[in-house]
Full PDB file with SEQRES, HELIX, SHEET, SSBOND, CRYST1, ORIGX, SCALE, CONECT and MASTER records, all heavy atoms in Angstrom:
SEQRES   1 A   42  GLU THR ASP MET LEU PRO VAL GLY PHE GLY ALA MET VAL          
SEQRES   2 A   42  LEU GLU SER PHE VAL GLY VAL ILE ALA ILE VAL THR ALA          
SEQRES   3 A   42  GLY ILE MET PHE GLY ASP MET ASN THR ALA GLY THR GLY          
SEQRES   4 A   42  ALA LEU ASN                                                  
HELIX    1 AA1 MET A    4  MET A    4  1                                   1    
HELIX    2 AA2 LEU A    5  GLY A   10  3                                   6    
HELIX    3 AA3 ALA A   11  MET A   29  1                                  19    
HELIX    4 AA4 PHE A   30  ASP A   32  5                                   3    
CRYST1    1.000    1.000    1.000  90.00  90.00  90.00 P 1           1          
ORIGX1      1.000000  0.000000  0.000000        0.00000                         
ORIGX2      0.000000  1.000000  0.000000        0.00000                         
ORIGX3      0.000000  0.000000  1.000000        0.00000                         
SCALE1      1.000000  0.000000  0.000000        0.00000                         
SCALE2      0.000000  1.000000  0.000000        0.00000                         
SCALE3      0.000000  0.000000  1.000000        0.00000                         
ATOM      1  N   GLU A   1     -35.666 -22.181 -21.468  1.00  0.00           N  
ATOM      2  CA  GLU A   1     -35.555 -20.729 -21.609  1.00  0.00           C  
ATOM      3  C   GLU A   1     -34.950 -20.065 -20.361  1.00  0.00           C  
ATOM      4  O   GLU A   1     -34.330 -18.987 -20.455  1.00  0.00           O  
ATOM      5  CB  GLU A   1     -36.920 -20.114 -21.893  1.00  0.00           C  
ATOM      6  CG  GLU A   1     -37.421 -20.362 -23.324  1.00  0.00           C  
ATOM      7  CD  GLU A   1     -38.591 -19.462 -23.700  1.00  0.00           C  
ATOM      8  OE1 GLU A   1     -38.930 -18.554 -22.908  1.00  0.00           O  
ATOM      9  OE2 GLU A   1     -39.138 -19.643 -24.793  1.00  0.00           O  
ATOM     10  N   THR A   2     -35.023 -20.688 -19.213  1.00  0.00           N  
ATOM     11  CA  THR A   2     -34.453 -20.115 -18.013  1.00  0.00           C  
ATOM     12  C   THR A   2     -32.901 -20.159 -18.058  1.00  0.00           C  
ATOM     13  O   THR A   2     -32.268 -19.441 -17.278  1.00  0.00           O  
ATOM     14  CB  THR A   2     -34.846 -20.915 -16.740  1.00  0.00           C  
ATOM     15  OG1 THR A   2     -34.531 -22.283 -16.866  1.00  0.00           O  
ATOM     16  CG2 THR A   2     -36.397 -20.771 -16.523  1.00  0.00           C  
ATOM     17  N   ASP A   3     -32.348 -20.932 -19.004  1.00  0.00           N  
ATOM     18  CA  ASP A   3     -30.876 -20.967 -19.148  1.00  0.00           C  
ATOM     19  C   ASP A   3     -30.368 -19.747 -19.888  1.00  0.00           C  
ATOM     20  O   ASP A   3     -29.162 -19.477 -19.887  1.00  0.00           O  
ATOM     21  CB  ASP A   3     -30.466 -22.214 -19.979  1.00  0.00           C  
ATOM     22  CG  ASP A   3     -30.807 -23.521 -19.256  1.00  0.00           C  
ATOM     23  OD1 ASP A   3     -31.115 -23.449 -18.048  1.00  0.00           O  
ATOM     24  OD2 ASP A   3     -30.772 -24.548 -19.892  1.00  0.00           O  
ATOM     25  N   MET A   4     -31.268 -18.961 -20.483  1.00  0.00           N  
ATOM     26  CA  MET A   4     -30.796 -17.885 -21.353  1.00  0.00           C  
ATOM     27  C   MET A   4     -30.102 -16.785 -20.577  1.00  0.00           C  
ATOM     28  O   MET A   4     -29.094 -16.160 -21.071  1.00  0.00           O  
ATOM     29  CB  MET A   4     -31.952 -17.255 -22.154  1.00  0.00           C  
ATOM     30  CG  MET A   4     -32.476 -18.204 -23.269  1.00  0.00           C  
ATOM     31  SD  MET A   4     -33.619 -17.355 -24.370  1.00  0.00           S  
ATOM     32  CE  MET A   4     -35.044 -17.120 -23.273  1.00  0.00           C  
ATOM     33  N   LEU A   5     -30.554 -16.471 -19.339  1.00  0.00           N  
ATOM     34  CA  LEU A   5     -29.910 -15.408 -18.567  1.00  0.00           C  
ATOM     35  C   LEU A   5     -28.496 -15.727 -18.168  1.00  0.00           C  
ATOM     36  O   LEU A   5     -27.587 -14.939 -18.452  1.00  0.00           O  
ATOM     37  CB  LEU A   5     -30.771 -15.096 -17.336  1.00  0.00           C  
ATOM     38  CG  LEU A   5     -30.217 -13.967 -16.439  1.00  0.00           C  
ATOM     39  CD1 LEU A   5     -30.177 -12.656 -17.208  1.00  0.00           C  
ATOM     40  CD2 LEU A   5     -31.047 -13.839 -15.163  1.00  0.00           C  
ATOM     41  N   PRO A   6     -28.228 -16.920 -17.575  1.00  0.00           N  
ATOM     42  CA  PRO A   6     -26.820 -17.211 -17.278  1.00  0.00           C  
ATOM     43  C   PRO A   6     -25.957 -17.403 -18.500  1.00  0.00           C  
ATOM     44  O   PRO A   6     -24.799 -17.092 -18.494  1.00  0.00           O  
ATOM     45  CB  PRO A   6     -26.911 -18.528 -16.423  1.00  0.00           C  
ATOM     46  CG  PRO A   6     -28.245 -19.105 -16.720  1.00  0.00           C  
ATOM     47  CD  PRO A   6     -29.135 -17.920 -16.998  1.00  0.00           C  
ATOM     48  N   VAL A   7     -26.570 -17.918 -19.574  1.00  0.00           N  
ATOM     49  CA  VAL A   7     -25.741 -18.159 -20.786  1.00  0.00           C  
ATOM     50  C   VAL A   7     -25.474 -16.843 -21.493  1.00  0.00           C  
ATOM     51  O   VAL A   7     -24.332 -16.540 -21.831  1.00  0.00           O  
ATOM     52  CB  VAL A   7     -26.501 -19.122 -21.750  1.00  0.00           C  
ATOM     53  CG1 VAL A   7     -25.790 -19.174 -23.102  1.00  0.00           C  
ATOM     54  CG2 VAL A   7     -26.539 -20.534 -21.171  1.00  0.00           C  
ATOM     55  N   GLY A   8     -26.504 -16.051 -21.750  1.00  0.00           N  
ATOM     56  CA  GLY A   8     -26.321 -14.791 -22.473  1.00  0.00           C  
ATOM     57  C   GLY A   8     -25.764 -13.671 -21.649  1.00  0.00           C  
ATOM     58  O   GLY A   8     -24.705 -13.095 -21.991  1.00  0.00           O  
ATOM     59  N   PHE A   9     -26.386 -13.347 -20.560  1.00  0.00           N  
ATOM     60  CA  PHE A   9     -25.984 -12.227 -19.715  1.00  0.00           C  
ATOM     61  C   PHE A   9     -24.788 -12.595 -18.837  1.00  0.00           C  
ATOM     62  O   PHE A   9     -23.779 -11.881 -18.739  1.00  0.00           O  
ATOM     63  CB  PHE A   9     -27.129 -11.783 -18.786  1.00  0.00           C  
ATOM     64  CG  PHE A   9     -27.059 -10.335 -18.329  1.00  0.00           C  
ATOM     65  CD1 PHE A   9     -27.828  -9.374 -18.966  1.00  0.00           C  
ATOM     66  CD2 PHE A   9     -26.262  -9.997 -17.260  1.00  0.00           C  
ATOM     67  CE1 PHE A   9     -27.776  -8.030 -18.526  1.00  0.00           C  
ATOM     68  CE2 PHE A   9     -26.186  -8.689 -16.806  1.00  0.00           C  
ATOM     69  CZ  PHE A   9     -26.947  -7.687 -17.426  1.00  0.00           C  
ATOM     70  N   GLY A  10     -24.816 -13.809 -18.259  1.00  0.00           N  
ATOM     71  CA  GLY A  10     -23.795 -14.237 -17.307  1.00  0.00           C  
ATOM     72  C   GLY A  10     -22.446 -14.464 -17.953  1.00  0.00           C  
ATOM     73  O   GLY A  10     -21.377 -14.064 -17.392  1.00  0.00           O  
ATOM     74  N   ALA A  11     -22.407 -15.024 -19.143  1.00  0.00           N  
ATOM     75  CA  ALA A  11     -21.126 -15.230 -19.817  1.00  0.00           C  
ATOM     76  C   ALA A  11     -20.392 -13.912 -20.133  1.00  0.00           C  
ATOM     77  O   ALA A  11     -19.199 -13.801 -20.014  1.00  0.00           O  
ATOM     78  CB  ALA A  11     -21.302 -16.042 -21.115  1.00  0.00           C  
ATOM     79  N   MET A  12     -21.190 -12.912 -20.501  1.00  0.00           N  
ATOM     80  CA  MET A  12     -20.588 -11.611 -20.781  1.00  0.00           C  
ATOM     81  C   MET A  12     -20.081 -10.944 -19.569  1.00  0.00           C  
ATOM     82  O   MET A  12     -18.982 -10.317 -19.567  1.00  0.00           O  
ATOM     83  CB  MET A  12     -21.608 -10.717 -21.509  1.00  0.00           C  
ATOM     84  CG  MET A  12     -21.085  -9.338 -21.863  1.00  0.00           C  
ATOM     85  SD  MET A  12     -19.698  -9.383 -23.027  1.00  0.00           S  
ATOM     86  CE  MET A  12     -18.635  -8.196 -22.306  1.00  0.00           C  
ATOM     87  N   VAL A  13     -20.798 -11.039 -18.445  1.00  0.00           N  
ATOM     88  CA  VAL A  13     -20.323 -10.478 -17.188  1.00  0.00           C  
ATOM     89  C   VAL A  13     -18.977 -11.158 -16.772  1.00  0.00           C  
ATOM     90  O   VAL A  13     -18.057 -10.453 -16.332  1.00  0.00           O  
ATOM     91  CB  VAL A  13     -21.377 -10.675 -16.090  1.00  0.00           C  
ATOM     92  CG1 VAL A  13     -20.822 -10.369 -14.711  1.00  0.00           C  
ATOM     93  CG2 VAL A  13     -22.588  -9.763 -16.352  1.00  0.00           C  
ATOM     94  N   LEU A  14     -18.907 -12.440 -16.943  1.00  0.00           N  
ATOM     95  CA  LEU A  14     -17.662 -13.149 -16.568  1.00  0.00           C  
ATOM     96  C   LEU A  14     -16.536 -12.717 -17.546  1.00  0.00           C  
ATOM     97  O   LEU A  14     -15.379 -12.567 -17.076  1.00  0.00           O  
ATOM     98  CB  LEU A  14     -17.865 -14.651 -16.610  1.00  0.00           C  
ATOM     99  CG  LEU A  14     -16.682 -15.505 -16.178  1.00  0.00           C  
ATOM    100  CD1 LEU A  14     -16.313 -15.188 -14.736  1.00  0.00           C  
ATOM    101  CD2 LEU A  14     -17.023 -17.034 -16.264  1.00  0.00           C  
ATOM    102  N   GLU A  15     -16.851 -12.501 -18.759  1.00  0.00           N  
ATOM    103  CA  GLU A  15     -15.819 -12.034 -19.714  1.00  0.00           C  
ATOM    104  C   GLU A  15     -15.286 -10.634 -19.316  1.00  0.00           C  
ATOM    105  O   GLU A  15     -14.106 -10.351 -19.392  1.00  0.00           O  
ATOM    106  CB  GLU A  15     -16.321 -12.028 -21.160  1.00  0.00           C  
ATOM    107  CG  GLU A  15     -15.242 -11.518 -22.134  1.00  0.00           C  
ATOM    108  CD  GLU A  15     -15.707 -11.608 -23.578  1.00  0.00           C  
ATOM    109  OE1 GLU A  15     -16.867 -11.917 -23.824  1.00  0.00           O  
ATOM    110  OE2 GLU A  15     -14.855 -11.352 -24.441  1.00  0.00           O  
ATOM    111  N   SER A  16     -16.196  -9.757 -18.885  1.00  0.00           N  
ATOM    112  CA  SER A  16     -15.791  -8.446 -18.434  1.00  0.00           C  
ATOM    113  C   SER A  16     -14.846  -8.595 -17.248  1.00  0.00           C  
ATOM    114  O   SER A  16     -13.907  -7.801 -17.078  1.00  0.00           O  
ATOM    115  CB  SER A  16     -17.002  -7.628 -18.062  1.00  0.00           C  
ATOM    116  OG  SER A  16     -17.746  -7.311 -19.185  1.00  0.00           O  
ATOM    117  N   PHE A  17     -15.116  -9.577 -16.376  1.00  0.00           N  
ATOM    118  CA  PHE A  17     -14.208  -9.793 -15.213  1.00  0.00           C  
ATOM    119  C   PHE A  17     -12.833 -10.216 -15.675  1.00  0.00           C  
ATOM    120  O   PHE A  17     -11.807  -9.816 -15.062  1.00  0.00           O  
ATOM    121  CB  PHE A  17     -14.825 -10.836 -14.291  1.00  0.00           C  
ATOM    122  CG  PHE A  17     -14.062 -11.014 -13.009  1.00  0.00           C  
ATOM    123  CD1 PHE A  17     -13.934  -9.939 -12.100  1.00  0.00           C  
ATOM    124  CD2 PHE A  17     -13.452 -12.211 -12.687  1.00  0.00           C  
ATOM    125  CE1 PHE A  17     -13.268 -10.076 -10.901  1.00  0.00           C  
ATOM    126  CE2 PHE A  17     -12.745 -12.351 -11.513  1.00  0.00           C  
ATOM    127  CZ  PHE A  17     -12.615 -11.287 -10.633  1.00  0.00           C  
ATOM    128  N   VAL A  18     -12.737 -10.997 -16.726  1.00  0.00           N  
ATOM    129  CA  VAL A  18     -11.465 -11.368 -17.307  1.00  0.00           C  
ATOM    130  C   VAL A  18     -10.739 -10.100 -17.772  1.00  0.00           C  
ATOM    131  O   VAL A  18      -9.548  -9.961 -17.623  1.00  0.00           O  
ATOM    132  CB  VAL A  18     -11.630 -12.367 -18.489  1.00  0.00           C  
ATOM    133  CG1 VAL A  18     -10.277 -12.632 -19.186  1.00  0.00           C  
ATOM    134  CG2 VAL A  18     -12.149 -13.729 -17.995  1.00  0.00           C  
ATOM    135  N   GLY A  19     -11.509  -9.205 -18.386  1.00  0.00           N  
ATOM    136  CA  GLY A  19     -10.917  -7.926 -18.792  1.00  0.00           C  
ATOM    137  C   GLY A  19     -10.391  -7.144 -17.653  1.00  0.00           C  
ATOM    138  O   GLY A  19      -9.304  -6.512 -17.735  1.00  0.00           O  
ATOM    139  N   VAL A  20     -11.073  -7.150 -16.503  1.00  0.00           N  
ATOM    140  CA  VAL A  20     -10.605  -6.474 -15.276  1.00  0.00           C  
ATOM    141  C   VAL A  20      -9.309  -7.076 -14.835  1.00  0.00           C  
ATOM    142  O   VAL A  20      -8.363  -6.346 -14.464  1.00  0.00           O  
ATOM    143  CB  VAL A  20     -11.704  -6.535 -14.168  1.00  0.00           C  
ATOM    144  CG1 VAL A  20     -11.103  -6.007 -12.848  1.00  0.00           C  
ATOM    145  CG2 VAL A  20     -12.930  -5.773 -14.557  1.00  0.00           C  
ATOM    146  N   ILE A  21      -9.217  -8.392 -14.795  1.00  0.00           N  
ATOM    147  CA  ILE A  21      -7.997  -9.079 -14.394  1.00  0.00           C  
ATOM    148  C   ILE A  21      -6.850  -8.694 -15.325  1.00  0.00           C  
ATOM    149  O   ILE A  21      -5.697  -8.458 -14.852  1.00  0.00           O  
ATOM    150  CB  ILE A  21      -8.213 -10.599 -14.381  1.00  0.00           C  
ATOM    151  CG1 ILE A  21      -9.181 -11.009 -13.247  1.00  0.00           C  
ATOM    152  CG2 ILE A  21      -6.867 -11.347 -14.161  1.00  0.00           C  
ATOM    153  CD1 ILE A  21      -9.554 -12.461 -13.239  1.00  0.00           C  
ATOM    154  N   ALA A  22      -7.112  -8.597 -16.612  1.00  0.00           N  
ATOM    155  CA  ALA A  22      -6.076  -8.222 -17.555  1.00  0.00           C  
ATOM    156  C   ALA A  22      -5.561  -6.794 -17.252  1.00  0.00           C  
ATOM    157  O   ALA A  22      -4.359  -6.505 -17.313  1.00  0.00           O  
ATOM    158  CB  ALA A  22      -6.606  -8.320 -18.967  1.00  0.00           C  
ATOM    159  N   ILE A  23      -6.502  -5.871 -16.940  1.00  0.00           N  
ATOM    160  CA  ILE A  23      -6.112  -4.505 -16.613  1.00  0.00           C  
ATOM    161  C   ILE A  23      -5.230  -4.437 -15.410  1.00  0.00           C  
ATOM    162  O   ILE A  23      -4.173  -3.846 -15.357  1.00  0.00           O  
ATOM    163  CB  ILE A  23      -7.368  -3.636 -16.393  1.00  0.00           C  
ATOM    164  CG1 ILE A  23      -8.152  -3.498 -17.713  1.00  0.00           C  
ATOM    165  CG2 ILE A  23      -6.986  -2.249 -15.855  1.00  0.00           C  
ATOM    166  CD1 ILE A  23      -9.545  -2.893 -17.508  1.00  0.00           C  
ATOM    167  N   VAL A  24      -5.625  -5.181 -14.355  1.00  0.00           N  
ATOM    168  CA  VAL A  24      -4.874  -5.197 -13.107  1.00  0.00           C  
ATOM    169  C   VAL A  24      -3.506  -5.843 -13.318  1.00  0.00           C  
ATOM    170  O   VAL A  24      -2.503  -5.354 -12.844  1.00  0.00           O  
ATOM    171  CB  VAL A  24      -5.658  -5.930 -12.027  1.00  0.00           C  
ATOM    172  CG1 VAL A  24      -4.824  -6.133 -10.766  1.00  0.00           C  
ATOM    173  CG2 VAL A  24      -6.944  -5.133 -11.665  1.00  0.00           C  
ATOM    174  N   THR A  25      -3.473  -6.948 -14.014  1.00  0.00           N  
ATOM    175  CA  THR A  25      -2.199  -7.626 -14.278  1.00  0.00           C  
ATOM    176  C   THR A  25      -1.232  -6.736 -15.016  1.00  0.00           C  
ATOM    177  O   THR A  25      -0.064  -6.609 -14.648  1.00  0.00           O  
ATOM    178  CB  THR A  25      -2.430  -8.929 -15.121  1.00  0.00           C  
ATOM    179  OG1 THR A  25      -3.334  -9.747 -14.388  1.00  0.00           O  
ATOM    180  CG2 THR A  25      -1.120  -9.683 -15.336  1.00  0.00           C  
ATOM    181  N   ALA A  26      -1.690  -6.111 -16.111  1.00  0.00           N  
ATOM    182  CA  ALA A  26      -0.802  -5.209 -16.891  1.00  0.00           C  
ATOM    183  C   ALA A  26      -0.418  -4.003 -16.056  1.00  0.00           C  
ATOM    184  O   ALA A  26       0.715  -3.524 -16.140  1.00  0.00           O  
ATOM    185  CB  ALA A  26      -1.486  -4.771 -18.158  1.00  0.00           C  
ATOM    186  N   GLY A  27      -1.333  -3.522 -15.203  1.00  0.00           N  
ATOM    187  CA  GLY A  27      -1.052  -2.378 -14.353  1.00  0.00           C  
ATOM    188  C   GLY A  27       0.063  -2.699 -13.362  1.00  0.00           C  
ATOM    189  O   GLY A  27       0.944  -1.870 -13.080  1.00  0.00           O  
ATOM    190  N   ILE A  28       0.052  -3.905 -12.814  1.00  0.00           N  
ATOM    191  CA  ILE A  28       1.093  -4.323 -11.877  1.00  0.00           C  
ATOM    192  C   ILE A  28       2.425  -4.543 -12.569  1.00  0.00           C  
ATOM    193  O   ILE A  28       3.463  -4.180 -12.116  1.00  0.00           O  
ATOM    194  CB  ILE A  28       0.634  -5.600 -11.127  1.00  0.00           C  
ATOM    195  CG1 ILE A  28      -0.559  -5.350 -10.241  1.00  0.00           C  
ATOM    196  CG2 ILE A  28       1.783  -6.189 -10.285  1.00  0.00           C  
ATOM    197  CD1 ILE A  28      -1.207  -6.548  -9.638  1.00  0.00           C  
ATOM    198  N   MET A  29       2.319  -5.183 -13.785  1.00  0.00           N  
ATOM    199  CA  MET A  29       3.579  -5.491 -14.504  1.00  0.00           C  
ATOM    200  C   MET A  29       4.234  -4.252 -15.089  1.00  0.00           C  
ATOM    201  O   MET A  29       5.375  -4.306 -15.525  1.00  0.00           O  
ATOM    202  CB  MET A  29       3.205  -6.448 -15.642  1.00  0.00           C  
ATOM    203  CG  MET A  29       2.766  -7.850 -15.212  1.00  0.00           C  
ATOM    204  SD  MET A  29       4.095  -8.830 -14.589  1.00  0.00           S  
ATOM    205  CE  MET A  29       4.823  -9.354 -16.116  1.00  0.00           C  
ATOM    206  N   PHE A  30       3.508  -3.150 -15.147  1.00  0.00           N  
ATOM    207  CA  PHE A  30       4.017  -1.953 -15.796  1.00  0.00           C  
ATOM    208  C   PHE A  30       5.329  -1.450 -15.153  1.00  0.00           C  
ATOM    209  O   PHE A  30       6.213  -0.880 -15.849  1.00  0.00           O  
ATOM    210  CB  PHE A  30       2.962  -0.804 -15.732  1.00  0.00           C  
ATOM    211  CG  PHE A  30       3.354   0.445 -16.390  1.00  0.00           C  
ATOM    212  CD1 PHE A  30       3.074   0.575 -17.782  1.00  0.00           C  
ATOM    213  CD2 PHE A  30       3.997   1.481 -15.738  1.00  0.00           C  
ATOM    214  CE1 PHE A  30       3.451   1.741 -18.429  1.00  0.00           C  
ATOM    215  CE2 PHE A  30       4.376   2.624 -16.425  1.00  0.00           C  
ATOM    216  CZ  PHE A  30       4.078   2.785 -17.745  1.00  0.00           C  
ATOM    217  N   GLY A  31       5.519  -1.715 -13.888  1.00  0.00           N  
ATOM    218  CA  GLY A  31       6.674  -1.218 -13.192  1.00  0.00           C  
ATOM    219  C   GLY A  31       7.965  -1.733 -13.769  1.00  0.00           C  
ATOM    220  O   GLY A  31       9.001  -1.026 -13.642  1.00  0.00           O  
ATOM    221  N   ASP A  32       8.049  -2.915 -14.354  1.00  0.00           N  
ATOM    222  CA  ASP A  32       9.260  -3.393 -14.908  1.00  0.00           C  
ATOM    223  C   ASP A  32       9.159  -3.641 -16.412  1.00  0.00           C  
ATOM    224  O   ASP A  32       9.773  -4.503 -16.967  1.00  0.00           O  
ATOM    225  CB  ASP A  32       9.670  -4.737 -14.190  1.00  0.00           C  
ATOM    226  CG  ASP A  32       8.630  -5.814 -14.295  1.00  0.00           C  
ATOM    227  OD1 ASP A  32       7.461  -5.448 -14.467  1.00  0.00           O  
ATOM    228  OD2 ASP A  32       8.977  -6.985 -14.213  1.00  0.00           O  
ATOM    229  N   MET A  33       8.275  -2.851 -17.035  1.00  0.00           N  
ATOM    230  CA  MET A  33       8.175  -2.918 -18.475  1.00  0.00           C  
ATOM    231  C   MET A  33       8.168  -1.501 -19.045  1.00  0.00           C  
ATOM    232  O   MET A  33       8.214  -0.526 -18.302  1.00  0.00           O  
ATOM    233  CB  MET A  33       6.845  -3.591 -18.854  1.00  0.00           C  
ATOM    234  CG  MET A  33       6.844  -5.077 -18.511  1.00  0.00           C  
ATOM    235  SD  MET A  33       5.332  -5.891 -19.112  1.00  0.00           S  
ATOM    236  CE  MET A  33       5.659  -7.572 -18.562  1.00  0.00           C  
ATOM    237  N   ASN A  34       8.157  -1.411 -20.342  1.00  0.00           N  
ATOM    238  CA  ASN A  34       8.156  -0.081 -20.960  1.00  0.00           C  
ATOM    239  C   ASN A  34       7.096  -0.017 -22.042  1.00  0.00           C  
ATOM    240  O   ASN A  34       6.496  -1.016 -22.444  1.00  0.00           O  
ATOM    241  CB  ASN A  34       9.511   0.201 -21.585  1.00  0.00           C  
ATOM    242  CG  ASN A  34       9.887  -0.842 -22.592  1.00  0.00           C  
ATOM    243  OD1 ASN A  34       9.395  -0.880 -23.713  1.00  0.00           O  
ATOM    244  ND2 ASN A  34      10.801  -1.731 -22.195  1.00  0.00           N  
ATOM    245  N   THR A  35       6.785   1.133 -22.489  1.00  0.00           N  
ATOM    246  CA  THR A  35       5.768   1.324 -23.584  1.00  0.00           C  
ATOM    247  C   THR A  35       6.533   1.503 -24.878  1.00  0.00           C  
ATOM    248  O   THR A  35       7.057   2.558 -25.091  1.00  0.00           O  
ATOM    249  CB  THR A  35       4.902   2.495 -23.260  1.00  0.00           C  
ATOM    250  OG1 THR A  35       5.686   3.683 -23.029  1.00  0.00           O  
ATOM    251  CG2 THR A  35       3.999   2.273 -22.051  1.00  0.00           C  
ATOM    252  N   ALA A  36       6.495   0.518 -25.690  1.00  0.00           N  
ATOM    253  CA  ALA A  36       7.318   0.561 -26.961  1.00  0.00           C  
ATOM    254  C   ALA A  36       6.423   0.538 -28.172  1.00  0.00           C  
ATOM    255  O   ALA A  36       6.118  -0.514 -28.715  1.00  0.00           O  
ATOM    256  CB  ALA A  36       8.269  -0.648 -26.957  1.00  0.00           C  
ATOM    257  N   GLY A  37       5.960   1.671 -28.568  1.00  0.00           N  
ATOM    258  CA  GLY A  37       5.391   1.844 -29.913  1.00  0.00           C  
ATOM    259  C   GLY A  37       3.944   1.484 -30.126  1.00  0.00           C  
ATOM    260  O   GLY A  37       3.200   2.234 -30.687  1.00  0.00           O  
ATOM    261  N   THR A  38       3.504   0.369 -29.620  1.00  0.00           N  
ATOM    262  CA  THR A  38       2.159  -0.093 -30.010  1.00  0.00           C  
ATOM    263  C   THR A  38       1.122   0.366 -29.000  1.00  0.00           C  
ATOM    264  O   THR A  38      -0.046   0.288 -29.333  1.00  0.00           O  
ATOM    265  CB  THR A  38       2.108  -1.661 -30.001  1.00  0.00           C  
ATOM    266  OG1 THR A  38       2.318  -2.156 -28.676  1.00  0.00           O  
ATOM    267  CG2 THR A  38       3.143  -2.247 -30.914  1.00  0.00           C  
ATOM    268  N   GLY A  39       1.490   0.884 -27.871  1.00  0.00           N  
ATOM    269  CA  GLY A  39       0.521   1.229 -26.890  1.00  0.00           C  
ATOM    270  C   GLY A  39       0.345   0.062 -25.895  1.00  0.00           C  
ATOM    271  O   GLY A  39      -0.106   0.256 -24.803  1.00  0.00           O  
ATOM    272  N   ALA A  40       0.728  -1.158 -26.310  1.00  0.00           N  
ATOM    273  CA  ALA A  40       0.717  -2.283 -25.396  1.00  0.00           C  
ATOM    274  C   ALA A  40       2.014  -2.245 -24.592  1.00  0.00           C  
ATOM    275  O   ALA A  40       2.966  -1.676 -24.997  1.00  0.00           O  
ATOM    276  CB  ALA A  40       0.650  -3.575 -26.188  1.00  0.00           C  
ATOM    277  N   LEU A  41       2.001  -2.875 -23.433  1.00  0.00           N  
ATOM    278  CA  LEU A  41       3.182  -2.932 -22.604  1.00  0.00           C  
ATOM    279  C   LEU A  41       4.143  -3.942 -23.161  1.00  0.00           C  
ATOM    280  O   LEU A  41       3.760  -5.016 -23.609  1.00  0.00           O  
ATOM    281  CB  LEU A  41       2.805  -3.333 -21.169  1.00  0.00           C  
ATOM    282  CG  LEU A  41       1.740  -2.410 -20.524  1.00  0.00           C  
ATOM    283  CD1 LEU A  41       1.325  -2.954 -19.177  1.00  0.00           C  
ATOM    284  CD2 LEU A  41       2.273  -1.037 -20.383  1.00  0.00           C  
ATOM    285  N   ASN A  42       5.428  -3.619 -23.163  1.00  0.00           N  
ATOM    286  CA  ASN A  42       6.422  -4.491 -23.746  1.00  0.00           C  
ATOM    287  C   ASN A  42       7.666  -4.635 -22.848  1.00  0.00           C  
ATOM    288  O   ASN A  42       8.068  -3.719 -22.196  1.00  0.00           O  
ATOM    289  CB  ASN A  42       6.898  -3.905 -25.102  1.00  0.00           C  
ATOM    290  CG  ASN A  42       5.824  -3.881 -26.109  1.00  0.00           C  
ATOM    291  OD1 ASN A  42       5.675  -4.849 -26.862  1.00  0.00           O  
ATOM    292  ND2 ASN A  42       5.000  -2.873 -26.135  1.00  0.00           N  
TER     293      ASN A  42                                                      
MASTER        0    0    0    4    0    0    0    6  292    1    0    4          
END                                                                             
């Protein structure tokens, strides 16, 4: 049962960090990309 915190809570926290990296990556790449229709960078 002690595994539940790192498995349940910890995995989600790490996934949120992946989301942060995606935000930063797209934010940096925005300078040489454009916004074409979908709202995603293209």
